[in-house]
PDB file of N, CA and C in Angstrom:
ATOM      1  N   UNK A   1     226.730  -0.343 163.109  1.00  0.00           N
ATOM      2  CA  UNK A   1     225.960   0.858 163.369  1.00  0.00           C
ATOM      3  C   UNK A   1     224.737   0.534 164.212  1.00  0.00           C
ATOM      4  N   UNK A   2     224.037  -0.539 163.847  1.00  0.00           N
ATOM      5  CA  UNK A   2     222.838  -0.937 164.571  1.00  0.00           C
ATOM      6  C   UNK A   2     223.175  -1.347 165.999  1.00  0.00           C
ATOM      7  N   UNK A   3     224.303  -1.993 166.184  1.00  0.00           N
ATOM      8  CA  UNK A   3     224.696  -2.409 167.537  1.00  0.00           C
ATOM      9  C   UNK A   3     225.017  -1.188 168.404  1.00  0.00           C
ATOM     10  N   UNK A   4     225.529  -0.128 167.794  1.00  0.00           N
ATOM     11  CA  UNK A   4     225.802   1.102 168.539  1.00  0.00           C
ATOM     12  C   UNK A   4     224.510   1.744 169.024  1.00  0.00           C
ATOM     13  N   UNK A   5     223.478   1.733 168.190  1.00  0.00           N
ATOM     14  CA  UNK A   5     222.185   2.303 168.574  1.00  0.00           C
ATOM     15  C   UNK A   5     221.575   1.504 169.715  1.00  0.00           C
ATOM     16  N   UNK A   6     221.668   0.149 169.634  1.00  0.00           N
ATOM     17  CA  UNK A   6     221.121  -0.672 170.716  1.00  0.00           C
ATOM     18  C   UNK A   6     221.902  -0.467 172.011  1.00  0.00           C
ATOM     19  N   UNK A   7     223.178  -0.218 171.911  1.00  0.00           N
ATOM     20  CA  UNK A   7     223.992   0.005 173.103  1.00  0.00           C
ATOM     21  C   UNK A   7     223.634   1.325 173.771  1.00  0.00           C
ATOM     22  N   UNK A   8     223.214   2.317 173.007  1.00  0.00           N
ATOM     23  CA  UNK A   8     222.858   3.629 173.567  1.00  0.00           C
ATOM     24  C   UNK A   8     221.448   3.648 174.152  1.00  0.00           C
ATOM     25  N   UNK A   9     220.605   2.733 173.749  1.00  0.00           N
ATOM     26  CA  UNK A   9     219.226   2.709 174.237  1.00  0.00           C
ATOM     27  C   UNK A   9     219.213   2.315 175.709  1.00  0.00           C
ATOM     28  N   UNK A  10     218.286   2.922 176.482  1.00  0.00           N
ATOM     29  CA  UNK A  10     218.232   2.562 177.906  1.00  0.00           C
ATOM     30  C   UNK A  10     217.738   1.129 178.080  1.00  0.00           C
ATOM     31  N   UNK A  11     218.279   0.473 179.066  1.00  0.00           N
ATOM     32  CA  UNK A  11     217.906  -0.909 179.320  1.00  0.00           C
ATOM     33  C   UNK A  11     216.554  -0.957 180.016  1.00  0.00           C
ATOM     34  N   UNK A  12     215.733  -1.911 179.665  1.00  0.00           N
ATOM     35  CA  UNK A  12     214.431  -2.075 180.305  1.00  0.00           C
ATOM     36  C   UNK A  12     214.624  -2.931 181.542  1.00  0.00           C
ATOM     37  N   UNK A  13     214.006  -2.502 182.643  1.00  0.00           N
ATOM     38  CA  UNK A  13     214.244  -3.186 183.900  1.00  0.00           C
ATOM     39  C   UNK A  13     212.987  -3.840 184.449  1.00  0.00           C
ATOM     40  N   UNK A  14     212.003  -4.081 183.691  1.00  0.00           N
ATOM     41  CA  UNK A  14     210.830  -4.811 184.155  1.00  0.00           C
ATOM     42  C   UNK A  14     209.989  -4.045 185.163  1.00  0.00           C
ATOM     43  N   UNK A  15     209.981  -2.736 185.111  1.00  0.00           N
ATOM     44  CA  UNK A  15     209.184  -1.962 186.045  1.00  0.00           C
ATOM     45  C   UNK A  15     207.725  -1.906 185.623  1.00  0.00           C
ATOM     46  N   UNK A  16     207.396  -2.456 184.527  1.00  0.00           N
ATOM     47  CA  UNK A  16     206.012  -2.435 184.060  1.00  0.00           C
ATOM     48  C   UNK A  16     205.728  -1.128 183.358  1.00  0.00           C
ATOM     49  N   UNK A  17     204.819  -0.355 183.872  1.00  0.00           N
ATOM     50  CA  UNK A  17     204.458   0.906 183.232  1.00  0.00           C
ATOM     51  C   UNK A  17     204.474   2.047 184.219  1.00  0.00           C
ATOM     52  N   UNK A  18     205.207   1.924 185.294  1.00  0.00           N
ATOM     53  CA  UNK A  18     205.250   2.966 186.321  1.00  0.00           C
ATOM     54  C   UNK A  18     205.711   4.305 185.802  1.00  0.00           C
ATOM     55  N   UNK A  19     206.663   4.285 184.908  1.00  0.00           N
ATOM     56  CA  UNK A  19     207.158   5.541 184.343  1.00  0.00           C
ATOM     57  C   UNK A  19     206.108   6.205 183.464  1.00  0.00           C
ATOM     58  N   UNK A  20     205.327   5.419 182.774  1.00  0.00           N
ATOM     59  CA  UNK A  20     204.283   5.978 181.910  1.00  0.00           C
ATOM     60  C   UNK A  20     203.225   6.669 182.755  1.00  0.00           C
ATOM     61  N   UNK A  21     202.822   6.035 183.862  1.00  0.00           N
ATOM     62  CA  UNK A  21     201.803   6.646 184.721  1.00  0.00           C
ATOM     63  C   UNK A  21     202.299   7.949 185.342  1.00  0.00           C
ATOM     64  N   UNK A  22     203.530   7.964 185.794  1.00  0.00           N
ATOM     65  CA  UNK A  22     204.050   9.196 186.394  1.00  0.00           C
ATOM     66  C   UNK A  22     204.168  10.303 185.341  1.00  0.00           C
ATOM     67  N   UNK A  23     204.510   9.948 184.118  1.00  0.00           N
ATOM     68  CA  UNK A  23     204.576  10.936 183.041  1.00  0.00           C
ATOM     69  C   UNK A  23     203.195  11.474 182.716  1.00  0.00           C
ATOM     70  N   UNK A  24     202.196  10.608 182.643  1.00  0.00           N
ATOM     71  CA  UNK A  24     200.824  11.045 182.370  1.00  0.00           C
ATOM     72  C   UNK A  24     200.288  11.937 183.486  1.00  0.00           C
ATOM     73  N   UNK A  25     200.589  11.582 184.724  1.00  0.00           N
ATOM     74  CA  UNK A  25     200.154  12.413 185.853  1.00  0.00           C
ATOM     75  C   UNK A  25     200.814  13.784 185.787  1.00  0.00           C
ATOM     76  N   UNK A  26     202.078  13.815 185.442  1.00  0.00           N
ATOM     77  CA  UNK A  26     202.795  15.090 185.340  1.00  0.00           C
ATOM     78  C   UNK A  26     202.199  15.957 184.234  1.00  0.00           C
ATOM     79  N   UNK A  27     201.893  15.362 183.079  1.00  0.00           N
ATOM     80  CA  UNK A  27     201.270  16.126 181.993  1.00  0.00           C
ATOM     81  C   UNK A  27     199.894  16.642 182.409  1.00  0.00           C
ATOM     82  N   UNK A  28     199.120  15.821 183.119  1.00  0.00           N
ATOM     83  CA  UNK A  28     197.799  16.241 183.579  1.00  0.00           C
ATOM     84  C   UNK A  28     197.924  17.425 184.548  1.00  0.00           C
ATOM     85  N   UNK A  29     198.903  17.377 185.429  1.00  0.00           N
ATOM     86  CA  UNK A  29     199.123  18.498 186.363  1.00  0.00           C
ATOM     87  C   UNK A  29     199.522  19.767 185.625  1.00  0.00           C
ATOM     88  N   UNK A  30     200.379  19.651 184.639  1.00  0.00           N
ATOM     89  CA  UNK A  30     200.810  20.816 183.871  1.00  0.00           C
ATOM     90  C   UNK A  30     199.623  21.421 183.125  1.00  0.00           C
ATOM     91  N   UNK A  31     198.813  20.578 182.507  1.00  0.00           N
ATOM     92  CA  UNK A  31     197.637  21.076 181.785  1.00  0.00           C
ATOM     93  C   UNK A  31     196.659  21.728 182.753  1.00  0.00           C
ATOM     94  N   UNK A  32     196.446  21.132 183.930  1.00  0.00           N
ATOM     95  CA  UNK A  32     195.551  21.709 184.931  1.00  0.00           C
ATOM     96  C   UNK A  32     196.031  23.061 185.420  1.00  0.00           C
ATOM     97  N   UNK A  33     197.304  23.175 185.705  1.00  0.00           N
ATOM     98  CA  UNK A  33     197.863  24.458 186.154  1.00  0.00           C
ATOM     99  C   UNK A  33     197.755  25.490 185.050  1.00  0.00           C
ATOM    100  N   UNK A  34     198.056  25.102 183.830  1.00  0.00           N
ATOM    101  CA  UNK A  34     197.956  26.006 182.688  1.00  0.00           C
ATOM    102  C   UNK A  34     196.522  26.513 182.537  1.00  0.00           C
ATOM    103  N   UNK A  35     195.540  25.629 182.692  1.00  0.00           N
ATOM    104  CA  UNK A  35     194.139  26.022 182.550  1.00  0.00           C
ATOM    105  C   UNK A  35     193.749  27.029 183.628  1.00  0.00           C
ATOM    106  N   UNK A  36     194.039  26.723 184.894  1.00  0.00           N
ATOM    107  CA  UNK A  36     193.589  27.587 185.991  1.00  0.00           C
ATOM    108  C   UNK A  36     194.387  28.878 186.112  1.00  0.00           C
ATOM    109  N   UNK A  37     195.602  28.909 185.614  1.00  0.00           N
ATOM    110  CA  UNK A  37     196.411  30.126 185.743  1.00  0.00           C
ATOM    111  C   UNK A  37     196.327  31.034 184.519  1.00  0.00           C
ATOM    112  N   UNK A  38     196.029  30.501 183.345  1.00  0.00           N
ATOM    113  CA  UNK A  38     196.066  31.310 182.128  1.00  0.00           C
ATOM    114  C   UNK A  38     194.722  31.328 181.406  1.00  0.00           C
ATOM    115  N   UNK A  39     194.184  30.187 181.066  1.00  0.00           N
ATOM    116  CA  UNK A  39     192.994  30.130 180.212  1.00  0.00           C
ATOM    117  C   UNK A  39     191.749  30.635 180.933  1.00  0.00           C
ATOM    118  N   UNK A  40     191.497  30.172 182.133  1.00  0.00           N
ATOM    119  CA  UNK A  40     190.277  30.555 182.849  1.00  0.00           C
ATOM    120  C   UNK A  40     190.206  32.048 183.155  1.00  0.00           C
ATOM    121  N   UNK A  41     191.263  32.678 183.677  1.00  0.00           N
ATOM    122  CA  UNK A  41     191.186  34.128 183.904  1.00  0.00           C
ATOM    123  C   UNK A  41     191.000  34.919 182.606  1.00  0.00           C
ATOM    124  N   UNK A  42     191.610  34.461 181.514  1.00  0.00           N
ATOM    125  CA  UNK A  42     191.451  35.150 180.237  1.00  0.00           C
ATOM    126  C   UNK A  42     190.009  35.063 179.757  1.00  0.00           C
ATOM    127  N   UNK A  43     189.363  33.913 179.925  1.00  0.00           N
ATOM    128  CA  UNK A  43     187.962  33.776 179.540  1.00  0.00           C
ATOM    129  C   UNK A  43     187.076  34.684 180.372  1.00  0.00           C
ATOM    130  N   UNK A  44     187.388  34.824 181.645  1.00  0.00           N
ATOM    131  CA  UNK A  44     186.611  35.699 182.529  1.00  0.00           C
ATOM    132  C   UNK A  44     186.732  37.154 182.088  1.00  0.00           C
ATOM    133  N   UNK A  45     187.951  37.601 181.790  1.00  0.00           N
ATOM    134  CA  UNK A  45     188.146  38.980 181.318  1.00  0.00           C
ATOM    135  C   UNK A  45     187.438  39.218 179.993  1.00  0.00           C
ATOM    136  N   UNK A  46     187.441  38.231 179.110  1.00  0.00           N
ATOM    137  CA  UNK A  46     186.776  38.361 177.815  1.00  0.00           C
ATOM    138  C   UNK A  46     185.272  38.512 177.997  1.00  0.00           C
ATOM    139  N   UNK A  47     184.673  37.752 178.907  1.00  0.00           N
ATOM    140  CA  UNK A  47     183.238  37.872 179.168  1.00  0.00           C
ATOM    141  C   UNK A  47     182.895  39.240 179.749  1.00  0.00           C
ATOM    142  N   UNK A  48     183.732  39.741 180.663  1.00  0.00           N
ATOM    143  CA  UNK A  48     183.500  41.066 181.238  1.00  0.00           C
ATOM    144  C   UNK A  48     183.586  42.147 180.157  1.00  0.00           C
ATOM    145  N   UNK A  49     184.552  42.030 179.274  1.00  0.00           N
ATOM    146  CA  UNK A  49     184.715  43.006 178.194  1.00  0.00           C
ATOM    147  C   UNK A  49     183.512  42.994 177.255  1.00  0.00           C
ATOM    148  N   UNK A  50     183.049  41.796 176.884  1.00  0.00           N
ATOM    149  CA  UNK A  50     181.888  41.695 176.001  1.00  0.00           C
ATOM    150  C   UNK A  50     180.644  42.274 176.657  1.00  0.00           C
ATOM    151  N   UNK A  51     180.481  42.052 177.962  1.00  0.00           N
ATOM    152  CA  UNK A  51     179.326  42.606 178.676  1.00  0.00           C
ATOM    153  C   UNK A  51     179.390  44.129 178.697  1.00  0.00           C
ATOM    154  N   UNK A  52     180.580  44.676 178.940  1.00  0.00           N
ATOM    155  CA  UNK A  52     180.738  46.134 178.977  1.00  0.00           C
ATOM    156  C   UNK A  52     180.503  46.744 177.602  1.00  0.00           C
ATOM    157  N   UNK A  53     181.011  46.110 176.564  1.00  0.00           N
ATOM    158  CA  UNK A  53     180.800  46.622 175.209  1.00  0.00           C
ATOM    159  C   UNK A  53     179.328  46.533 174.806  1.00  0.00           C
ATOM    160  N   UNK A  54     178.629  45.538 175.310  1.00  0.00           N
ATOM    161  CA  UNK A  54     177.221  45.388 174.999  1.00  0.00           C
ATOM    162  C   UNK A  54     176.333  46.409 175.692  1.00  0.00           C
ATOM    163  N   UNK A  55     176.833  47.028 176.763  1.00  0.00           N
ATOM    164  CA  UNK A  55     176.041  47.981 177.542  1.00  0.00           C
ATOM    165  C   UNK A  55     176.263  49.427 177.115  1.00  0.00           C
ATOM    166  N   UNK A  56     177.060  49.667 176.115  1.00  0.00           N
ATOM    167  CA  UNK A  56     177.327  51.039 175.674  1.00  0.00           C
ATOM    168  C   UNK A  56     176.062  51.626 175.060  1.00  0.00           C
ATOM    169  N   UNK A  57     175.757  52.857 175.441  1.00  0.00           N
ATOM    170  CA  UNK A  57     174.563  53.519 174.921  1.00  0.00           C
ATOM    171  C   UNK A  57     174.884  54.980 174.612  1.00  0.00           C
ATOM    172  N   UNK A  58     173.927  55.673 174.031  1.00  0.00           N
ATOM    173  CA  UNK A  58     174.108  57.088 173.699  1.00  0.00           C
ATOM    174  C   UNK A  58     174.459  57.881 174.949  1.00  0.00           C
ATOM    175  N   UNK A  59     175.370  58.831 174.767  1.00  0.00           N
ATOM    176  CA  UNK A  59     175.760  59.696 175.872  1.00  0.00           C
ATOM    177  C   UNK A  59     176.984  59.232 176.633  1.00  0.00           C
ATOM    178  N   UNK A  60     177.392  57.977 176.467  1.00  0.00           N
ATOM    179  CA  UNK A  60     178.588  57.481 177.145  1.00  0.00           C
ATOM    180  C   UNK A  60     179.820  58.114 176.515  1.00  0.00           C
ATOM    181  N   UNK A  61     180.778  58.427 177.348  1.00  0.00           N
ATOM    182  CA  UNK A  61     182.056  58.942 176.863  1.00  0.00           C
ATOM    183  C   UNK A  61     183.021  57.769 176.798  1.00  0.00           C
ATOM    184  N   UNK A  62     183.768  57.702 175.703  1.00  0.00           N
ATOM    185  CA  UNK A  62     184.668  56.575 175.483  1.00  0.00           C
ATOM    186  C   UNK A  62     186.046  57.056 175.058  1.00  0.00           C
ATOM    187  N   UNK A  63     186.998  56.147 175.182  1.00  0.00           N
ATOM    188  CA  UNK A  63     188.344  56.348 174.647  1.00  0.00           C
ATOM    189  C   UNK A  63     188.660  55.108 173.825  1.00  0.00           C
ATOM    190  N   UNK A  64     189.076  55.315 172.593  1.00  0.00           N
ATOM    191  CA  UNK A  64     189.400  54.178 171.725  1.00  0.00           C
ATOM    192  C   UNK A  64     190.809  53.683 172.018  1.00  0.00           C
ATOM    193  N   UNK A  65     191.132  52.535 171.455  1.00  0.00           N
ATOM    194  CA  UNK A  65     192.476  51.974 171.615  1.00  0.00           C
ATOM    195  C   UNK A  65     193.522  52.887 170.996  1.00  0.00           C
ATOM    196  N   UNK A  66     193.129  53.683 170.012  1.00  0.00           N
ATOM    197  CA  UNK A  66     194.050  54.624 169.376  1.00  0.00           C
ATOM    198  C   UNK A  66     194.184  55.942 170.126  1.00  0.00           C
ATOM    199  N   UNK A  67     193.409  56.119 171.212  1.00  0.00           N
ATOM    200  CA  UNK A  67     193.529  57.314 172.034  1.00  0.00           C
ATOM    201  C   UNK A  67     192.543  58.425 171.683  1.00  0.00           C
ATOM    202  N   UNK A  68     191.563  58.134 170.852  1.00  0.00           N
ATOM    203  CA  UNK A  68     190.578  59.150 170.477  1.00  0.00           C
ATOM    204  C   UNK A  68     189.491  59.203 171.542  1.00  0.00           C
ATOM    205  N   UNK A  69     189.237  60.405 172.065  1.00  0.00           N
ATOM    206  CA  UNK A  69     188.193  60.626 173.058  1.00  0.00           C
ATOM    207  C   UNK A  69     186.940  61.077 172.337  1.00  0.00           C
ATOM    208  N   UNK A  70     185.793  60.582 172.761  1.00  0.00           N
ATOM    209  CA  UNK A  70     184.555  60.998 172.120  1.00  0.00           C
ATOM    210  C   UNK A  70     183.340  60.613 172.922  1.00  0.00           C
ATOM    211  N   UNK A  71     182.189  61.068 172.430  1.00  0.00           N
ATOM    212  CA  UNK A  71     180.910  60.762 173.059  1.00  0.00           C
ATOM    213  C   UNK A  71     180.066  59.976 172.055  1.00  0.00           C
ATOM    214  N   UNK A  72     179.443  58.911 172.533  1.00  0.00           N
ATOM    215  CA  UNK A  72     178.631  58.062 171.672  1.00  0.00           C
ATOM    216  C   UNK A  72     177.337  58.798 171.332  1.00  0.00           C
ATOM    217  N   UNK A  73     177.064  58.921 170.015  1.00  0.00           N
ATOM    218  CA  UNK A  73     175.818  59.562 169.590  1.00  0.00           C
ATOM    219  C   UNK A  73     174.955  58.616 168.755  1.00  0.00           C
ATOM    220  N   UNK A  74     175.498  57.467 168.401  1.00  0.00           N
ATOM    221  CA  UNK A  74     174.743  56.472 167.642  1.00  0.00           C
ATOM    222  C   UNK A  74     175.273  55.084 167.919  1.00  0.00           C
ATOM    223  N   UNK A  75     174.349  54.126 168.043  1.00  0.00           N
ATOM    224  CA  UNK A  75     174.730  52.756 168.377  1.00  0.00           C
ATOM    225  C   UNK A  75     174.156  51.808 167.337  1.00  0.00           C
ATOM    226  N   UNK A  76     175.015  50.987 166.735  1.00  0.00           N
ATOM    227  CA  UNK A  76     174.606  49.901 165.855  1.00  0.00           C
ATOM    228  C   UNK A  76     175.036  48.592 166.495  1.00  0.00           C
ATOM    229  N   UNK A  77     174.785  47.503 165.791  1.00  0.00           N
ATOM    230  CA  UNK A  77     175.121  46.192 166.339  1.00  0.00           C
ATOM    231  C   UNK A  77     176.631  46.025 166.543  1.00  0.00           C
ATOM    232  N   UNK A  78     177.431  46.389 165.533  1.00  0.00           N
ATOM    233  CA  UNK A  78     178.884  46.206 165.617  1.00  0.00           C
ATOM    234  C   UNK A  78     179.659  47.516 165.610  1.00  0.00           C
ATOM    235  N   UNK A  79     179.005  48.623 165.314  1.00  0.00           N
ATOM    236  CA  UNK A  79     179.706  49.902 165.216  1.00  0.00           C
ATOM    237  C   UNK A  79     179.053  50.949 166.110  1.00  0.00           C
ATOM    238  N   UNK A  80     179.809  51.994 166.352  1.00  0.00           N
ATOM    239  CA  UNK A  80     179.325  53.140 167.118  1.00  0.00           C
ATOM    240  C   UNK A  80     179.637  54.405 166.337  1.00  0.00           C
ATOM    241  N   UNK A  81     178.764  55.373 166.455  1.00  0.00           N
ATOM    242  CA  UNK A  81     179.017  56.690 165.880  1.00  0.00           C
ATOM    243  C   UNK A  81     179.379  57.589 167.046  1.00  0.00           C
ATOM    244  N   UNK A  82     180.596  58.136 167.013  1.00  0.00           N
ATOM    245  CA  UNK A  82     181.029  59.001 168.117  1.00  0.00           C
ATOM    246  C   UNK A  82     181.313  60.399 167.592  1.00  0.00           C
ATOM    247  N   UNK A  83     181.118  61.353 168.471  1.00  0.00           N
ATOM    248  CA  UNK A  83     181.422  62.741 168.147  1.00  0.00           C
ATOM    249  C   UNK A  83     182.707  63.098 168.883  1.00  0.00           C
ATOM    250  N   UNK A  84     183.728  63.469 168.123  1.00  0.00           N
ATOM    251  CA  UNK A  84     185.024  63.754 168.728  1.00  0.00           C
ATOM    252  C   UNK A  84     185.277  65.252 168.846  1.00  0.00           C
ATOM    253  N   UNK A  85     184.498  66.074 168.146  1.00  0.00           N
ATOM    254  CA  UNK A  85     184.561  67.535 168.236  1.00  0.00           C
ATOM    255  C   UNK A  85     183.222  68.058 167.717  1.00  0.00           C
ATOM    256  N   UNK A  86     183.018  69.367 167.782  1.00  0.00           N
ATOM    257  CA  UNK A  86     181.772  69.934 167.277  1.00  0.00           C
ATOM    258  C   UNK A  86     181.625  69.604 165.799  1.00  0.00           C
ATOM    259  N   UNK A  87     180.534  68.944 165.455  1.00  0.00           N
ATOM    260  CA  UNK A  87     180.180  68.583 164.083  1.00  0.00           C
ATOM    261  C   UNK A  87     181.202  67.654 163.415  1.00  0.00           C
ATOM    262  N   UNK A  88     181.975  66.932 164.221  1.00  0.00           N
ATOM    263  CA  UNK A  88     182.920  65.945 163.692  1.00  0.00           C
ATOM    264  C   UNK A  88     182.520  64.586 164.261  1.00  0.00           C
ATOM    265  N   UNK A  89     182.011  63.726 163.360  1.00  0.00           N
ATOM    266  CA  UNK A  89     181.527  62.417 163.778  1.00  0.00           C
ATOM    267  C   UNK A  89     182.362  61.331 163.103  1.00  0.00           C
ATOM    268  N   UNK A  90     182.627  60.274 163.864  1.00  0.00           N
ATOM    269  CA  UNK A  90     183.441  59.174 163.365  1.00  0.00           C
ATOM    270  C   UNK A  90     182.721  57.870 163.684  1.00  0.00           C
ATOM    271  N   UNK A  91     182.717  56.956 162.723  1.00  0.00           N
ATOM    272  CA  UNK A  91     182.141  55.634 162.938  1.00  0.00           C
ATOM    273  C   UNK A  91     183.270  54.673 163.272  1.00  0.00           C
ATOM    274  N   UNK A  92     183.144  53.962 164.402  1.00  0.00           N
ATOM    275  CA  UNK A  92     184.197  53.033 164.839  1.00  0.00           C
ATOM    276  C   UNK A  92     183.589  51.680 165.184  1.00  0.00           C
ATOM    277  N   UNK A  93     184.437  50.678 165.228  1.00  0.00           N
ATOM    278  CA  UNK A  93     184.032  49.341 165.648  1.00  0.00           C
ATOM    279  C   UNK A  93     183.964  49.291 167.174  1.00  0.00           C
ATOM    280  N   UNK A  94     183.053  48.513 167.707  1.00  0.00           N
ATOM    281  CA  UNK A  94     182.936  48.370 169.166  1.00  0.00           C
ATOM    282  C   UNK A  94     184.218  47.793 169.773  1.00  0.00           C
ATOM    283  N   UNK A  95     184.860  46.878 169.055  1.00  0.00           N
ATOM    284  CA  UNK A  95     186.050  46.217 169.587  1.00  0.00           C
ATOM    285  C   UNK A  95     187.229  47.153 169.765  1.00  0.00           C
ATOM    286  N   UNK A  96     187.179  48.340 169.173  1.00  0.00           N
ATOM    287  CA  UNK A  96     188.315  49.255 169.288  1.00  0.00           C
ATOM    288  C   UNK A  96     188.236  50.140 170.525  1.00  0.00           C
ATOM    289  N   UNK A  97     187.256  49.943 171.370  1.00  0.00           N
ATOM    290  CA  UNK A  97     187.084  50.763 172.567  1.00  0.00           C
ATOM    291  C   UNK A  97     187.914  50.178 173.704  1.00  0.00           C
ATOM    292  N   UNK A  98     188.633  51.051 174.413  1.00  0.00           N
ATOM    293  CA  UNK A  98     189.424  50.569 175.534  1.00  0.00           C
ATOM    294  C   UNK A  98     188.909  51.074 176.876  1.00  0.00           C
ATOM    295  N   UNK A  99     188.265  52.237 176.919  1.00  0.00           N
ATOM    296  CA  UNK A  99     187.753  52.792 178.173  1.00  0.00           C
ATOM    297  C   UNK A  99     186.345  53.323 177.937  1.00  0.00           C
ATOM    298  N   UNK A 100     185.447  53.023 178.888  1.00  0.00           N
ATOM    299  CA  UNK A 100     184.079  53.534 178.835  1.00  0.00           C
ATOM    300  C   UNK A 100     183.830  54.327 180.107  1.00  0.00           C
ATOM    301  N   UNK A 101     183.338  55.560 179.947  1.00  0.00           N
ATOM    302  CA  UNK A 101     183.016  56.413 181.078  1.00  0.00           C
ATOM    303  C   UNK A 101     181.508  56.556 181.120  1.00  0.00           C
ATOM    304  N   UNK A 102     180.884  55.880 182.069  1.00  0.00           N
ATOM    305  CA  UNK A 102     179.433  55.922 182.207  1.00  0.00           C
ATOM    306  C   UNK A 102     179.065  56.772 183.414  1.00  0.00           C
ATOM    307  N   UNK A 103     178.392  57.848 183.182  1.00  0.00           N
ATOM    308  CA  UNK A 103     177.859  58.719 184.227  1.00  0.00           C
ATOM    309  C   UNK A 103     178.892  59.041 185.299  1.00  0.00           C
ATOM    310  N   UNK A 104     180.058  59.467 184.871  1.00  0.00           N
ATOM    311  CA  UNK A 104     181.076  59.939 185.801  1.00  0.00           C
ATOM    312  C   UNK A 104     182.064  58.919 186.270  1.00  0.00           C
ATOM    313  N   UNK A 105     181.865  57.637 186.025  1.00  0.00           N
ATOM    314  CA  UNK A 105     182.837  56.636 186.471  1.00  0.00           C
ATOM    315  C   UNK A 105     183.562  56.053 185.266  1.00  0.00           C
ATOM    316  N   UNK A 106     184.831  55.785 185.433  1.00  0.00           N
ATOM    317  CA  UNK A 106     185.648  55.273 184.331  1.00  0.00           C
ATOM    318  C   UNK A 106     185.804  53.768 184.509  1.00  0.00           C
ATOM    319  N   UNK A 107     185.518  53.016 183.448  1.00  0.00           N
ATOM    320  CA  UNK A 107     185.691  51.564 183.457  1.00  0.00           C
ATOM    321  C   UNK A 107     186.708  51.232 182.384  1.00  0.00           C
ATOM    322  N   UNK A 108     187.890  50.788 182.794  1.00  0.00           N
ATOM    323  CA  UNK A 108     188.944  50.451 181.841  1.00  0.00           C
ATOM    324  C   UNK A 108     188.855  48.982 181.489  1.00  0.00           C
ATOM    325  N   UNK A 109     189.107  48.673 180.210  1.00  0.00           N
ATOM    326  CA  UNK A 109     189.085  47.279 179.781  1.00  0.00           C
ATOM    327  C   UNK A 109     190.477  46.765 179.479  1.00  0.00           C
ATOM    328  N   UNK A 110     191.501  47.472 179.879  1.00  0.00           N
ATOM    329  CA  UNK A 110     192.869  47.037 179.628  1.00  0.00           C
ATOM    330  C   UNK A 110     193.526  46.732 180.959  1.00  0.00           C
ATOM    331  N   UNK A 111     193.165  45.614 181.551  1.00  0.00           N
ATOM    332  CA  UNK A 111     193.715  45.234 182.860  1.00  0.00           C
ATOM    333  C   UNK A 111     194.942  44.406 182.690  1.00  0.00           C
TER     334      UNK A 111
END
């Protein structure tokens, strides 16, 4: 059984470590491409979203992720009080906002 395993193993040809270096370079390239194509743009979008959520103030019109339209009438650190109809007020989390309409312009956060 042991001789069968040794027979299946690839033979070493004295190349030193050339294969290891090429493998490490390939992994480094894959990680670099992954970072610049996926991680970095996602971090940029997250920073833009946090900045937009931080700028919400009274009078802004918003749309939540659930599709509720309303106007901000109260601002707390993590929550907002919105009015969705006459004398109907709802308290929501800032993170649940998907669209902010500031003074006539719509800023969507779902790109």
